[in-house]
PDB file of N, CA and C in Angstrom:
ATOM      1  N   GLN A   1     -18.272  18.989   6.374  1.00  0.00           N
ATOM      2  CA  GLN A   1     -18.009  18.472   5.052  1.00  0.00           C
ATOM      3  C   GLN A   1     -16.492  18.512   4.833  1.00  0.00           C
ATOM      4  N   VAL A   2     -16.028  17.365   4.229  1.00  0.00           N
ATOM      5  CA  VAL A   2     -14.601  17.170   4.017  1.00  0.00           C
ATOM      6  C   VAL A   2     -14.340  17.354   2.474  1.00  0.00           C
ATOM      7  N   GLN A   3     -13.504  18.222   2.097  1.00  0.00           N
ATOM      8  CA  GLN A   3     -13.095  18.365   0.658  1.00  0.00           C
ATOM      9  C   GLN A   3     -11.711  17.798   0.452  1.00  0.00           C
ATOM     10  N   LEU A   4     -11.446  17.027  -0.461  1.00  0.00           N
ATOM     11  CA  LEU A   4     -10.143  16.398  -0.634  1.00  0.00           C
ATOM     12  C   LEU A   4      -9.677  16.740  -2.033  1.00  0.00           C
ATOM     13  N   VAL A   5      -8.324  17.299  -2.158  1.00  0.00           N
ATOM     14  CA  VAL A   5      -7.792  17.707  -3.394  1.00  0.00           C
ATOM     15  C   VAL A   5      -6.488  16.849  -3.583  1.00  0.00           C
ATOM     16  N   GLU A   6      -6.532  16.102  -4.724  1.00  0.00           N
ATOM     17  CA  GLU A   6      -5.356  15.261  -5.020  1.00  0.00           C
ATOM     18  C   GLU A   6      -4.456  15.876  -6.010  1.00  0.00           C
ATOM     19  N   SER A   7      -3.233  15.483  -6.048  1.00  0.00           N
ATOM     20  CA  SER A   7      -2.240  15.936  -7.060  1.00  0.00           C
ATOM     21  C   SER A   7      -1.302  14.723  -7.355  1.00  0.00           C
ATOM     22  N   GLY A   8      -0.633  14.712  -8.423  1.00  0.00           N
ATOM     23  CA  GLY A   8       0.127  13.695  -8.896  1.00  0.00           C
ATOM     24  C   GLY A   8      -0.443  12.791  -9.835  1.00  0.00           C
ATOM     25  N   GLY A   9      -0.020  11.619 -10.104  1.00  0.00           N
ATOM     26  CA  GLY A   9      -0.566  10.780 -11.126  1.00  0.00           C
ATOM     27  C   GLY A   9       0.064  11.028 -12.422  1.00  0.00           C
ATOM     28  N   GLY A  10      -0.331  10.286 -13.436  1.00  0.00           N
ATOM     29  CA  GLY A  10       0.215  10.458 -14.824  1.00  0.00           C
ATOM     30  C   GLY A  10       0.508   9.080 -15.446  1.00  0.00           C
ATOM     31  N   VAL A  11       1.422   9.119 -16.400  1.00  0.00           N
ATOM     32  CA  VAL A  11       1.765   7.894 -17.109  1.00  0.00           C
ATOM     33  C   VAL A  11       3.253   7.477 -16.739  1.00  0.00           C
ATOM     34  N   VAL A  12       3.443   6.221 -16.445  1.00  0.00           N
ATOM     35  CA  VAL A  12       4.756   5.731 -16.060  1.00  0.00           C
ATOM     36  C   VAL A  12       5.003   4.352 -16.721  1.00  0.00           C
ATOM     37  N   GLN A  13       6.221   3.993 -17.039  1.00  0.00           N
ATOM     38  CA  GLN A  13       6.470   2.729 -17.486  1.00  0.00           C
ATOM     39  C   GLN A  13       6.491   1.677 -16.365  1.00  0.00           C
ATOM     40  N   ALA A  14       6.199   0.450 -16.725  1.00  0.00           N
ATOM     41  CA  ALA A  14       6.185  -0.639 -15.711  1.00  0.00           C
ATOM     42  C   ALA A  14       7.484  -0.718 -15.050  1.00  0.00           C
ATOM     43  N   GLY A  15       7.439  -0.848 -13.680  1.00  0.00           N
ATOM     44  CA  GLY A  15       8.652  -0.903 -12.933  1.00  0.00           C
ATOM     45  C   GLY A  15       8.989   0.490 -12.337  1.00  0.00           C
ATOM     46  N   GLY A  16       8.305   1.513 -12.800  1.00  0.00           N
ATOM     47  CA  GLY A  16       8.578   2.869 -12.311  1.00  0.00           C
ATOM     48  C   GLY A  16       7.832   3.238 -11.057  1.00  0.00           C
ATOM     49  N   SER A  17       7.956   4.465 -10.684  1.00  0.00           N
ATOM     50  CA  SER A  17       7.423   5.010  -9.462  1.00  0.00           C
ATOM     51  C   SER A  17       6.656   6.293  -9.711  1.00  0.00           C
ATOM     52  N   LEU A  18       5.637   6.539  -8.837  1.00  0.00           N
ATOM     53  CA  LEU A  18       4.847   7.698  -8.840  1.00  0.00           C
ATOM     54  C   LEU A  18       4.521   8.006  -7.369  1.00  0.00           C
ATOM     55  N   ARG A  19       4.252   9.383  -7.148  1.00  0.00           N
ATOM     56  CA  ARG A  19       3.765   9.813  -5.809  1.00  0.00           C
ATOM     57  C   ARG A  19       2.546  10.648  -5.948  1.00  0.00           C
ATOM     58  N   LEU A  20       1.582  10.238  -5.173  1.00  0.00           N
ATOM     59  CA  LEU A  20       0.315  11.019  -5.093  1.00  0.00           C
ATOM     60  C   LEU A  20       0.236  11.723  -3.759  1.00  0.00           C
ATOM     61  N   SER A  21      -0.360  12.916  -3.831  1.00  0.00           N
ATOM     62  CA  SER A  21      -0.578  13.684  -2.654  1.00  0.00           C
ATOM     63  C   SER A  21      -2.000  14.215  -2.582  1.00  0.00           C
ATOM     64  N   CYS A  22      -2.426  14.326  -1.268  1.00  0.00           N
ATOM     65  CA  CYS A  22      -3.863  14.779  -1.022  1.00  0.00           C
ATOM     66  C   CYS A  22      -3.799  15.713   0.179  1.00  0.00           C
ATOM     67  N   VAL A  23      -4.622  16.797   0.053  1.00  0.00           N
ATOM     68  CA  VAL A  23      -4.834  17.643   1.215  1.00  0.00           C
ATOM     69  C   VAL A  23      -6.332  17.827   1.471  1.00  0.00           C
ATOM     70  N   ALA A  24      -6.704  17.690   2.727  1.00  0.00           N
ATOM     71  CA  ALA A  24      -8.151  17.751   3.146  1.00  0.00           C
ATOM     72  C   ALA A  24      -8.355  19.079   3.659  1.00  0.00           C
ATOM     73  N   SER A  25      -9.459  19.701   3.173  1.00  0.00           N
ATOM     74  CA  SER A  25      -9.880  21.037   3.691  1.00  0.00           C
ATOM     75  C   SER A  25     -10.980  20.779   4.769  1.00  0.00           C
ATOM     76  N   VAL A  26     -10.578  20.833   6.011  1.00  0.00           N
ATOM     77  CA  VAL A  26     -11.520  20.547   7.087  1.00  0.00           C
ATOM     78  C   VAL A  26     -11.276  21.520   8.205  1.00  0.00           C
ATOM     79  N   GLY A  27     -10.476  22.607   8.015  1.00  0.00           N
ATOM     80  CA  GLY A  27     -10.215  23.467   9.127  1.00  0.00           C
ATOM     81  C   GLY A  27      -9.420  22.787  10.222  1.00  0.00           C
ATOM     82  N   SER A  28      -9.829  22.879  11.416  1.00  0.00           N
ATOM     83  CA  SER A  28      -9.077  22.459  12.545  1.00  0.00           C
ATOM     84  C   SER A  28      -9.485  20.950  12.934  1.00  0.00           C
ATOM     85  N   VAL A  29     -10.338  20.372  12.228  1.00  0.00           N
ATOM     86  CA  VAL A  29     -10.835  19.043  12.577  1.00  0.00           C
ATOM     87  C   VAL A  29      -9.712  18.065  12.356  1.00  0.00           C
ATOM     88  N   ALA A  30      -9.546  17.141  13.370  1.00  0.00           N
ATOM     89  CA  ALA A  30      -8.521  16.121  13.253  1.00  0.00           C
ATOM     90  C   ALA A  30      -9.103  14.822  12.529  1.00  0.00           C
ATOM     91  N   LEU A  31      -8.611  14.552  11.399  1.00  0.00           N
ATOM     92  CA  LEU A  31      -9.214  13.344  10.685  1.00  0.00           C
ATOM     93  C   LEU A  31      -8.777  12.022  11.281  1.00  0.00           C
ATOM     94  N   ASN A  32      -9.566  11.045  11.233  1.00  0.00           N
ATOM     95  CA  ASN A  32      -9.285   9.746  11.884  1.00  0.00           C
ATOM     96  C   ASN A  32      -8.479   8.900  10.885  1.00  0.00           C
ATOM     97  N   VAL A  33      -9.090   8.378   9.829  1.00  0.00           N
ATOM     98  CA  VAL A  33      -8.385   7.572   8.841  1.00  0.00           C
ATOM     99  C   VAL A  33      -8.245   8.267   7.516  1.00  0.00           C
ATOM    100  N   MET A  34      -7.008   8.370   6.974  1.00  0.00           N
ATOM    101  CA  MET A  34      -6.853   8.879   5.652  1.00  0.00           C
ATOM    102  C   MET A  34      -6.155   7.781   4.806  1.00  0.00           C
ATOM    103  N   GLY A  35      -6.347   7.838   3.465  1.00  0.00           N
ATOM    104  CA  GLY A  35      -5.737   6.917   2.665  1.00  0.00           C
ATOM    105  C   GLY A  35      -6.024   7.079   1.185  1.00  0.00           C
ATOM    106  N   TRP A  36      -5.925   5.950   0.468  1.00  0.00           N
ATOM    107  CA  TRP A  36      -6.179   5.977  -0.975  1.00  0.00           C
ATOM    108  C   TRP A  36      -6.947   4.719  -1.387  1.00  0.00           C
ATOM    109  N   GLY A  37      -7.859   4.945  -2.377  1.00  0.00           N
ATOM    110  CA  GLY A  37      -8.481   3.878  -3.041  1.00  0.00           C
ATOM    111  C   GLY A  37      -8.287   3.993  -4.585  1.00  0.00           C
ATOM    112  N   ARG A  38      -8.713   2.988  -5.271  1.00  0.00           N
ATOM    113  CA  ARG A  38      -8.539   3.067  -6.726  1.00  0.00           C
ATOM    114  C   ARG A  38      -9.674   2.298  -7.396  1.00  0.00           C
ATOM    115  N   GLN A  39      -9.886   2.645  -8.623  1.00  0.00           N
ATOM    116  CA  GLN A  39     -10.870   1.966  -9.445  1.00  0.00           C
ATOM    117  C   GLN A  39     -10.365   1.791 -10.884  1.00  0.00           C
ATOM    118  N   ALA A  40     -10.262   0.575 -11.182  1.00  0.00           N
ATOM    119  CA  ALA A  40      -9.750   0.169 -12.575  1.00  0.00           C
ATOM    120  C   ALA A  40     -11.070   0.047 -13.448  1.00  0.00           C
ATOM    121  N   PRO A  41     -10.864   0.181 -14.723  1.00  0.00           N
ATOM    122  CA  PRO A  41     -12.048  -0.041 -15.636  1.00  0.00           C
ATOM    123  C   PRO A  41     -12.702  -1.338 -15.480  1.00  0.00           C
ATOM    124  N   GLY A  42     -14.023  -1.265 -15.339  1.00  0.00           N
ATOM    125  CA  GLY A  42     -14.761  -2.472 -15.213  1.00  0.00           C
ATOM    126  C   GLY A  42     -14.724  -3.167 -13.848  1.00  0.00           C
ATOM    127  N   LYS A  43     -14.068  -2.560 -12.909  1.00  0.00           N
ATOM    128  CA  LYS A  43     -13.865  -3.100 -11.576  1.00  0.00           C
ATOM    129  C   LYS A  43     -14.414  -2.192 -10.475  1.00  0.00           C
ATOM    130  N   GLN A  44     -14.704  -2.807  -9.278  1.00  0.00           N
ATOM    131  CA  GLN A  44     -15.277  -2.026  -8.162  1.00  0.00           C
ATOM    132  C   GLN A  44     -14.056  -1.210  -7.560  1.00  0.00           C
ATOM    133  N   ARG A  45     -14.524  -0.048  -6.962  1.00  0.00           N
ATOM    134  CA  ARG A  45     -13.484   0.698  -6.254  1.00  0.00           C
ATOM    135  C   ARG A  45     -13.072  -0.056  -5.039  1.00  0.00           C
ATOM    136  N   GLU A  46     -11.696   0.058  -4.742  1.00  0.00           N
ATOM    137  CA  GLU A  46     -11.182  -0.658  -3.599  1.00  0.00           C
ATOM    138  C   GLU A  46     -10.262   0.246  -2.839  1.00  0.00           C
ATOM    139  N   VAL A  47     -10.153   0.107  -1.550  1.00  0.00           N
ATOM    140  CA  VAL A  47      -9.180   0.761  -0.705  1.00  0.00           C
ATOM    141  C   VAL A  47      -7.899   0.019  -0.756  1.00  0.00           C
ATOM    142  N   VAL A  48      -6.800   0.783  -1.035  1.00  0.00           N
ATOM    143  CA  VAL A  48      -5.494   0.113  -1.243  1.00  0.00           C
ATOM    144  C   VAL A  48      -4.543   0.440  -0.070  1.00  0.00           C
ATOM    145  N   ALA A  49      -4.728   1.590   0.588  1.00  0.00           N
ATOM    146  CA  ALA A  49      -3.771   1.910   1.662  1.00  0.00           C
ATOM    147  C   ALA A  49      -4.373   2.950   2.590  1.00  0.00           C
ATOM    148  N   THR A  50      -4.280   2.730   3.952  1.00  0.00           N
ATOM    149  CA  THR A  50      -4.789   3.709   4.803  1.00  0.00           C
ATOM    150  C   THR A  50      -3.791   3.852   6.000  1.00  0.00           C
ATOM    151  N   VAL A  51      -3.992   5.023   6.612  1.00  0.00           N
ATOM    152  CA  VAL A  51      -3.196   5.273   7.869  1.00  0.00           C
ATOM    153  C   VAL A  51      -3.981   6.056   8.843  1.00  0.00           C
ATOM    154  N   ARG A  52      -4.029   5.505  10.097  1.00  0.00           N
ATOM    155  CA  ARG A  52      -4.749   6.091  11.190  1.00  0.00           C
ATOM    156  C   ARG A  52      -4.027   7.232  11.790  1.00  0.00           C
ATOM    157  N   ARG A  53      -4.682   8.044  12.625  1.00  0.00           N
ATOM    158  CA  ARG A  53      -4.096   9.018  13.388  1.00  0.00           C
ATOM    159  C   ARG A  53      -2.942   8.436  14.346  1.00  0.00           C
ATOM    160  N   SER A  54      -3.112   7.232  14.713  1.00  0.00           N
ATOM    161  CA  SER A  54      -2.159   6.529  15.483  1.00  0.00           C
ATOM    162  C   SER A  54      -0.927   6.135  14.816  1.00  0.00           C
ATOM    163  N   GLY A  55      -1.039   6.160  13.441  1.00  0.00           N
ATOM    164  CA  GLY A  55       0.086   5.697  12.667  1.00  0.00           C
ATOM    165  C   GLY A  55      -0.093   4.298  12.203  1.00  0.00           C
ATOM    166  N   GLU A  56      -1.081   3.624  12.617  1.00  0.00           N
ATOM    167  CA  GLU A  56      -1.283   2.178  12.121  1.00  0.00           C
ATOM    168  C   GLU A  56      -1.661   2.319  10.642  1.00  0.00           C
ATOM    169  N   THR A  57      -1.110   1.397   9.814  1.00  0.00           N
ATOM    170  CA  THR A  57      -1.336   1.424   8.399  1.00  0.00           C
ATOM    171  C   THR A  57      -2.004   0.117   7.932  1.00  0.00           C
ATOM    172  N   TYR A  58      -2.667   0.166   6.847  1.00  0.00           N
ATOM    173  CA  TYR A  58      -3.288  -0.999   6.202  1.00  0.00           C
ATOM    174  C   TYR A  58      -2.954  -0.948   4.675  1.00  0.00           C
ATOM    175  N   TYR A  59      -2.591  -2.099   4.157  1.00  0.00           N
ATOM    176  CA  TYR A  59      -2.337  -2.196   2.769  1.00  0.00           C
ATOM    177  C   TYR A  59      -3.102  -3.345   2.127  1.00  0.00           C
ATOM    178  N   ALA A  60      -3.757  -3.200   0.992  1.00  0.00           N
ATOM    179  CA  ALA A  60      -4.311  -4.307   0.305  1.00  0.00           C
ATOM    180  C   ALA A  60      -3.267  -5.287  -0.133  1.00  0.00           C
ATOM    181  N   PRO A  61      -3.477  -6.561  -0.154  1.00  0.00           N
ATOM    182  CA  PRO A  61      -2.466  -7.548  -0.531  1.00  0.00           C
ATOM    183  C   PRO A  61      -1.810  -7.203  -1.825  1.00  0.00           C
ATOM    184  N   SER A  62      -2.596  -6.680  -2.784  1.00  0.00           N
ATOM    185  CA  SER A  62      -2.094  -6.504  -4.165  1.00  0.00           C
ATOM    186  C   SER A  62      -1.000  -5.383  -4.206  1.00  0.00           C
ATOM    187  N   VAL A  63      -0.938  -4.567  -3.121  1.00  0.00           N
ATOM    188  CA  VAL A  63       0.069  -3.446  -3.213  1.00  0.00           C
ATOM    189  C   VAL A  63       1.058  -3.552  -2.006  1.00  0.00           C
ATOM    190  N   ARG A  64       0.861  -4.428  -1.151  1.00  0.00           N
ATOM    191  CA  ARG A  64       1.773  -4.532   0.045  1.00  0.00           C
ATOM    192  C   ARG A  64       3.196  -4.818  -0.444  1.00  0.00           C
ATOM    193  N   GLY A  65       4.137  -4.063   0.196  1.00  0.00           N
ATOM    194  CA  GLY A  65       5.489  -4.157  -0.185  1.00  0.00           C
ATOM    195  C   GLY A  65       5.904  -3.247  -1.359  1.00  0.00           C
ATOM    196  N   ARG A  66       4.997  -2.653  -2.087  1.00  0.00           N
ATOM    197  CA  ARG A  66       5.311  -1.809  -3.209  1.00  0.00           C
ATOM    198  C   ARG A  66       4.843  -0.404  -2.938  1.00  0.00           C
ATOM    199  N   PHE A  67       3.747  -0.181  -2.229  1.00  0.00           N
ATOM    200  CA  PHE A  67       3.197   1.113  -2.025  1.00  0.00           C
ATOM    201  C   PHE A  67       3.468   1.459  -0.486  1.00  0.00           C
ATOM    202  N   SER A  68       3.584   2.728  -0.269  1.00  0.00           N
ATOM    203  CA  SER A  68       3.795   3.268   1.077  1.00  0.00           C
ATOM    204  C   SER A  68       2.948   4.477   1.322  1.00  0.00           C
ATOM    205  N   VAL A  69       2.142   4.446   2.364  1.00  0.00           N
ATOM    206  CA  VAL A  69       1.263   5.569   2.674  1.00  0.00           C
ATOM    207  C   VAL A  69       1.788   6.394   3.872  1.00  0.00           C
ATOM    208  N   SER A  70       1.676   7.627   3.844  1.00  0.00           N
ATOM    209  CA  SER A  70       2.171   8.501   4.872  1.00  0.00           C
ATOM    210  C   SER A  70       1.279   9.714   5.081  1.00  0.00           C
ATOM    211  N   ARG A  71       1.271  10.279   6.261  1.00  0.00           N
ATOM    212  CA  ARG A  71       0.411  11.468   6.466  1.00  0.00           C
ATOM    213  C   ARG A  71       1.111  12.429   7.298  1.00  0.00           C
ATOM    214  N   VAL A  72       0.793  13.724   7.052  1.00  0.00           N
ATOM    215  CA  VAL A  72       1.237  14.829   7.904  1.00  0.00           C
ATOM    216  C   VAL A  72       0.006  15.236   8.761  1.00  0.00           C
ATOM    217  N   THR A  73      -0.066  14.717   9.988  1.00  0.00           N
ATOM    218  CA  THR A  73      -1.284  14.886  10.719  1.00  0.00           C
ATOM    219  C   THR A  73      -1.784  16.307  10.978  1.00  0.00           C
ATOM    220  N   ASP A  74      -0.771  17.217  11.279  1.00  0.00           N
ATOM    221  CA  ASP A  74      -1.213  18.563  11.560  1.00  0.00           C
ATOM    222  C   ASP A  74      -1.565  19.373  10.328  1.00  0.00           C
ATOM    223  N   LYS A  75      -1.425  18.791   9.161  1.00  0.00           N
ATOM    224  CA  LYS A  75      -1.810  19.361   7.895  1.00  0.00           C
ATOM    225  C   LYS A  75      -2.938  18.570   7.219  1.00  0.00           C
ATOM    226  N   ASN A  76      -3.460  17.563   7.835  1.00  0.00           N
ATOM    227  CA  ASN A  76      -4.456  16.704   7.238  1.00  0.00           C
ATOM    228  C   ASN A  76      -4.117  16.406   5.782  1.00  0.00           C
ATOM    229  N   ALA A  77      -2.957  15.921   5.536  1.00  0.00           N
ATOM    230  CA  ALA A  77      -2.473  15.601   4.264  1.00  0.00           C
ATOM    231  C   ALA A  77      -2.061  14.165   4.316  1.00  0.00           C
ATOM    232  N   VAL A  78      -2.129  13.464   3.126  1.00  0.00           N
ATOM    233  CA  VAL A  78      -1.641  12.057   3.081  1.00  0.00           C
ATOM    234  C   VAL A  78      -1.097  11.869   1.631  1.00  0.00           C
ATOM    235  N   ASP A  79       0.010  11.128   1.628  1.00  0.00           N
ATOM    236  CA  ASP A  79       0.750  10.773   0.404  1.00  0.00           C
ATOM    237  C   ASP A  79       0.692   9.308   0.084  1.00  0.00           C
ATOM    238  N   LEU A  80       0.853   8.898  -1.117  1.00  0.00           N
ATOM    239  CA  LEU A  80       1.030   7.468  -1.530  1.00  0.00           C
ATOM    240  C   LEU A  80       2.224   7.432  -2.435  1.00  0.00           C
ATOM    241  N   GLU A  81       3.205   6.731  -1.988  1.00  0.00           N
ATOM    242  CA  GLU A  81       4.388   6.477  -2.769  1.00  0.00           C
ATOM    243  C   GLU A  81       4.214   5.064  -3.384  1.00  0.00           C
ATOM    244  N   MET A  82       4.287   5.072  -4.710  1.00  0.00           N
ATOM    245  CA  MET A  82       4.000   3.792  -5.427  1.00  0.00           C
ATOM    246  C   MET A  82       5.299   3.386  -6.228  1.00  0.00           C
ATOM    247  N   ASN A  83       5.804   2.236  -5.906  1.00  0.00           N
ATOM    248  CA  ASN A  83       7.023   1.717  -6.533  1.00  0.00           C
ATOM    249  C   ASN A  83       6.698   0.440  -7.221  1.00  0.00           C
ATOM    250  N   SER A  84       7.599   0.045  -8.054  1.00  0.00           N
ATOM    251  CA  SER A  84       7.510  -1.211  -8.828  1.00  0.00           C
ATOM    252  C   SER A  84       6.094  -1.343  -9.429  1.00  0.00           C
ATOM    253  N   LEU A  85       5.684  -0.288 -10.137  1.00  0.00           N
ATOM    254  CA  LEU A  85       4.295  -0.228 -10.710  1.00  0.00           C
ATOM    255  C   LEU A  85       4.081  -1.308 -11.736  1.00  0.00           C
ATOM    256  N   GLU A  86       2.945  -1.848 -11.799  1.00  0.00           N
ATOM    257  CA  GLU A  86       2.630  -2.868 -12.768  1.00  0.00           C
ATOM    258  C   GLU A  86       1.471  -2.356 -13.620  1.00  0.00           C
ATOM    259  N   PRO A  87       1.302  -2.886 -14.918  1.00  0.00           N
ATOM    260  CA  PRO A  87       0.142  -2.447 -15.666  1.00  0.00           C
ATOM    261  C   PRO A  87      -1.199  -2.670 -14.959  1.00  0.00           C
ATOM    262  N   GLU A  88      -1.214  -3.682 -14.016  1.00  0.00           N
ATOM    263  CA  GLU A  88      -2.455  -3.971 -13.269  1.00  0.00           C
ATOM    264  C   GLU A  88      -2.833  -2.822 -12.341  1.00  0.00           C
ATOM    265  N   ASP A  89      -1.819  -1.931 -12.023  1.00  0.00           N
ATOM    266  CA  ASP A  89      -2.047  -0.839 -11.125  1.00  0.00           C
ATOM    267  C   ASP A  89      -2.774   0.336 -11.800  1.00  0.00           C
ATOM    268  N   THR A  90      -2.863   0.247 -13.099  1.00  0.00           N
ATOM    269  CA  THR A  90      -3.585   1.339 -13.865  1.00  0.00           C
ATOM    270  C   THR A  90      -5.023   1.493 -13.351  1.00  0.00           C
ATOM    271  N   ALA A  91      -5.418   2.677 -12.986  1.00  0.00           N
ATOM    272  CA  ALA A  91      -6.630   3.018 -12.358  1.00  0.00           C
ATOM    273  C   ALA A  91      -6.862   4.459 -12.089  1.00  0.00           C
ATOM    274  N   VAL A  92      -7.985   4.877 -11.693  1.00  0.00           N
ATOM    275  CA  VAL A  92      -8.184   6.208 -11.127  1.00  0.00           C
ATOM    276  C   VAL A  92      -7.955   6.023  -9.604  1.00  0.00           C
ATOM    277  N   TYR A  93      -7.118   6.805  -9.068  1.00  0.00           N
ATOM    278  CA  TYR A  93      -6.793   6.713  -7.624  1.00  0.00           C
ATOM    279  C   TYR A  93      -7.518   7.916  -6.951  1.00  0.00           C
ATOM    280  N   PHE A  94      -8.149   7.628  -5.798  1.00  0.00           N
ATOM    281  CA  PHE A  94      -8.937   8.560  -5.033  1.00  0.00           C
ATOM    282  C   PHE A  94      -8.424   8.725  -3.671  1.00  0.00           C
ATOM    283  N   CYS A  95      -8.191   9.901  -3.212  1.00  0.00           N
ATOM    284  CA  CYS A  95      -7.944  10.199  -1.885  1.00  0.00           C
ATOM    285  C   CYS A  95      -9.187   9.806  -1.006  1.00  0.00           C
ATOM    286  N   TYR A  96      -8.928   9.213   0.179  1.00  0.00           N
ATOM    287  CA  TYR A  96     -10.099   8.671   1.016  1.00  0.00           C
ATOM    288  C   TYR A  96      -9.903   9.072   2.432  1.00  0.00           C
ATOM    289  N   VAL A  97     -11.000   9.400   2.957  1.00  0.00           N
ATOM    290  CA  VAL A  97     -11.127   9.717   4.458  1.00  0.00           C
ATOM    291  C   VAL A  97     -12.248   8.945   5.088  1.00  0.00           C
ATOM    292  N   ASP A  98     -12.033   8.361   6.152  1.00  0.00           N
ATOM    293  CA  ASP A  98     -13.006   7.640   6.957  1.00  0.00           C
ATOM    294  C   ASP A  98     -13.041   8.355   8.306  1.00  0.00           C
ATOM    295  N   GLN A  99     -14.099   9.268   8.500  1.00  0.00           N
ATOM    296  CA  GLN A  99     -14.227   9.978   9.712  1.00  0.00           C
ATOM    297  C   GLN A  99     -15.299   9.310  10.646  1.00  0.00           C
ATOM    298  N   TYR A 100     -14.798   8.297  11.324  1.00  0.00           N
ATOM    299  CA  TYR A 100     -15.616   7.519  12.214  1.00  0.00           C
ATOM    300  C   TYR A 100     -16.920   7.049  11.619  1.00  0.00           C
ATOM    301  N   GLY A 101     -16.637   6.242  10.517  1.00  0.00           N
ATOM    302  CA  GLY A 101     -17.804   5.590   9.811  1.00  0.00           C
ATOM    303  C   GLY A 101     -18.348   6.498   8.654  1.00  0.00           C
ATOM    304  N   ASN A 102     -17.930   7.683   8.490  1.00  0.00           N
ATOM    305  CA  ASN A 102     -18.376   8.467   7.363  1.00  0.00           C
ATOM    306  C   ASN A 102     -17.343   8.587   6.333  1.00  0.00           C
ATOM    307  N   PRO A 103     -17.506   8.000   5.174  1.00  0.00           N
ATOM    308  CA  PRO A 103     -16.441   7.982   4.102  1.00  0.00           C
ATOM    309  C   PRO A 103     -16.532   9.201   3.232  1.00  0.00           C
ATOM    310  N   TYR A 104     -15.432   9.699   2.845  1.00  0.00           N
ATOM    311  CA  TYR A 104     -15.342  10.812   1.841  1.00  0.00           C
ATOM    312  C   TYR A 104     -14.290  10.452   0.812  1.00  0.00           C
ATOM    313  N   TRP A 105     -14.564  10.851  -0.359  1.00  0.00           N
ATOM    314  CA  TRP A 105     -13.670  10.529  -1.545  1.00  0.00           C
ATOM    315  C   TRP A 105     -13.359  11.796  -2.327  1.00  0.00           C
ATOM    316  N   GLY A 106     -12.104  11.848  -2.901  1.00  0.00           N
ATOM    317  CA  GLY A 106     -11.710  12.971  -3.688  1.00  0.00           C
ATOM    318  C   GLY A 106     -12.279  12.744  -5.117  1.00  0.00           C
ATOM    319  N   GLN A 107     -11.840  13.638  -6.005  1.00  0.00           N
ATOM    320  CA  GLN A 107     -12.323  13.629  -7.410  1.00  0.00           C
ATOM    321  C   GLN A 107     -11.546  12.518  -8.148  1.00  0.00           C
ATOM    322  N   GLY A 108     -10.359  12.160  -7.772  1.00  0.00           N
ATOM    323  CA  GLY A 108      -9.625  11.099  -8.486  1.00  0.00           C
ATOM    324  C   GLY A 108      -8.580  11.617  -9.376  1.00  0.00           C
ATOM    325  N   THR A 109      -7.534  10.884  -9.520  1.00  0.00           N
ATOM    326  CA  THR A 109      -6.402  11.232 -10.431  1.00  0.00           C
ATOM    327  C   THR A 109      -6.049   9.912 -11.167  1.00  0.00           C
ATOM    328  N   GLN A 110      -5.796  10.064 -12.531  1.00  0.00           N
ATOM    329  CA  GLN A 110      -5.523   8.928 -13.413  1.00  0.00           C
ATOM    330  C   GLN A 110      -4.081   8.503 -13.180  1.00  0.00           C
ATOM    331  N   VAL A 111      -3.849   7.194 -12.964  1.00  0.00           N
ATOM    332  CA  VAL A 111      -2.500   6.584 -13.015  1.00  0.00           C
ATOM    333  C   VAL A 111      -2.533   5.536 -14.158  1.00  0.00           C
ATOM    334  N   THR A 112      -1.627   5.674 -15.061  1.00  0.00           N
ATOM    335  CA  THR A 112      -1.560   4.673 -16.110  1.00  0.00           C
ATOM    336  C   THR A 112      -0.089   4.086 -16.189  1.00  0.00           C
ATOM    337  N   VAL A 113      -0.045   2.799 -16.134  1.00  0.00           N
ATOM    338  CA  VAL A 113       1.229   2.060 -16.184  1.00  0.00           C
ATOM    339  C   VAL A 113       1.295   1.398 -17.523  1.00  0.00           C
ATOM    340  N   ALA A 114       2.316   1.832 -18.267  1.00  0.00           N
ATOM    341  CA  ALA A 114       2.501   1.262 -19.601  1.00  0.00           C
ATOM    342  C   ALA A 114       3.449   0.066 -19.505  1.00  0.00           C
ATOM    343  N   SER A 115       3.143  -0.987 -20.290  1.00  0.00           N
ATOM    344  CA  SER A 115       3.854  -2.198 -20.337  1.00  0.00           C
ATOM    345  C   SER A 115       5.025  -2.073 -21.317  1.00  0.00           C
TER     346      SER A 115
END
């Protein structure tokens, strides 16, 4: 079982920045893919950024160039640096793990971007 604990989030003005952090409680297990997803009101949850153990990253087109995902592999931790935030980025952000086809999600943290 993978338990994910997120921190960060809050309210920021449009154009501002926020940093989200997540730590996975899995003991000595090496996690494959870690990242972040989000769910805005009335919309489906989407994965916005991931990073593999190899370092390969993925970004959704809506956040590419503004968000940066990074992980500390030996600590099973992953961060999301969000810059140039827009009101459309307002959502609940979830830490995400894909352990070889098995997805896990954190409880979520609210990010609100005020215009």
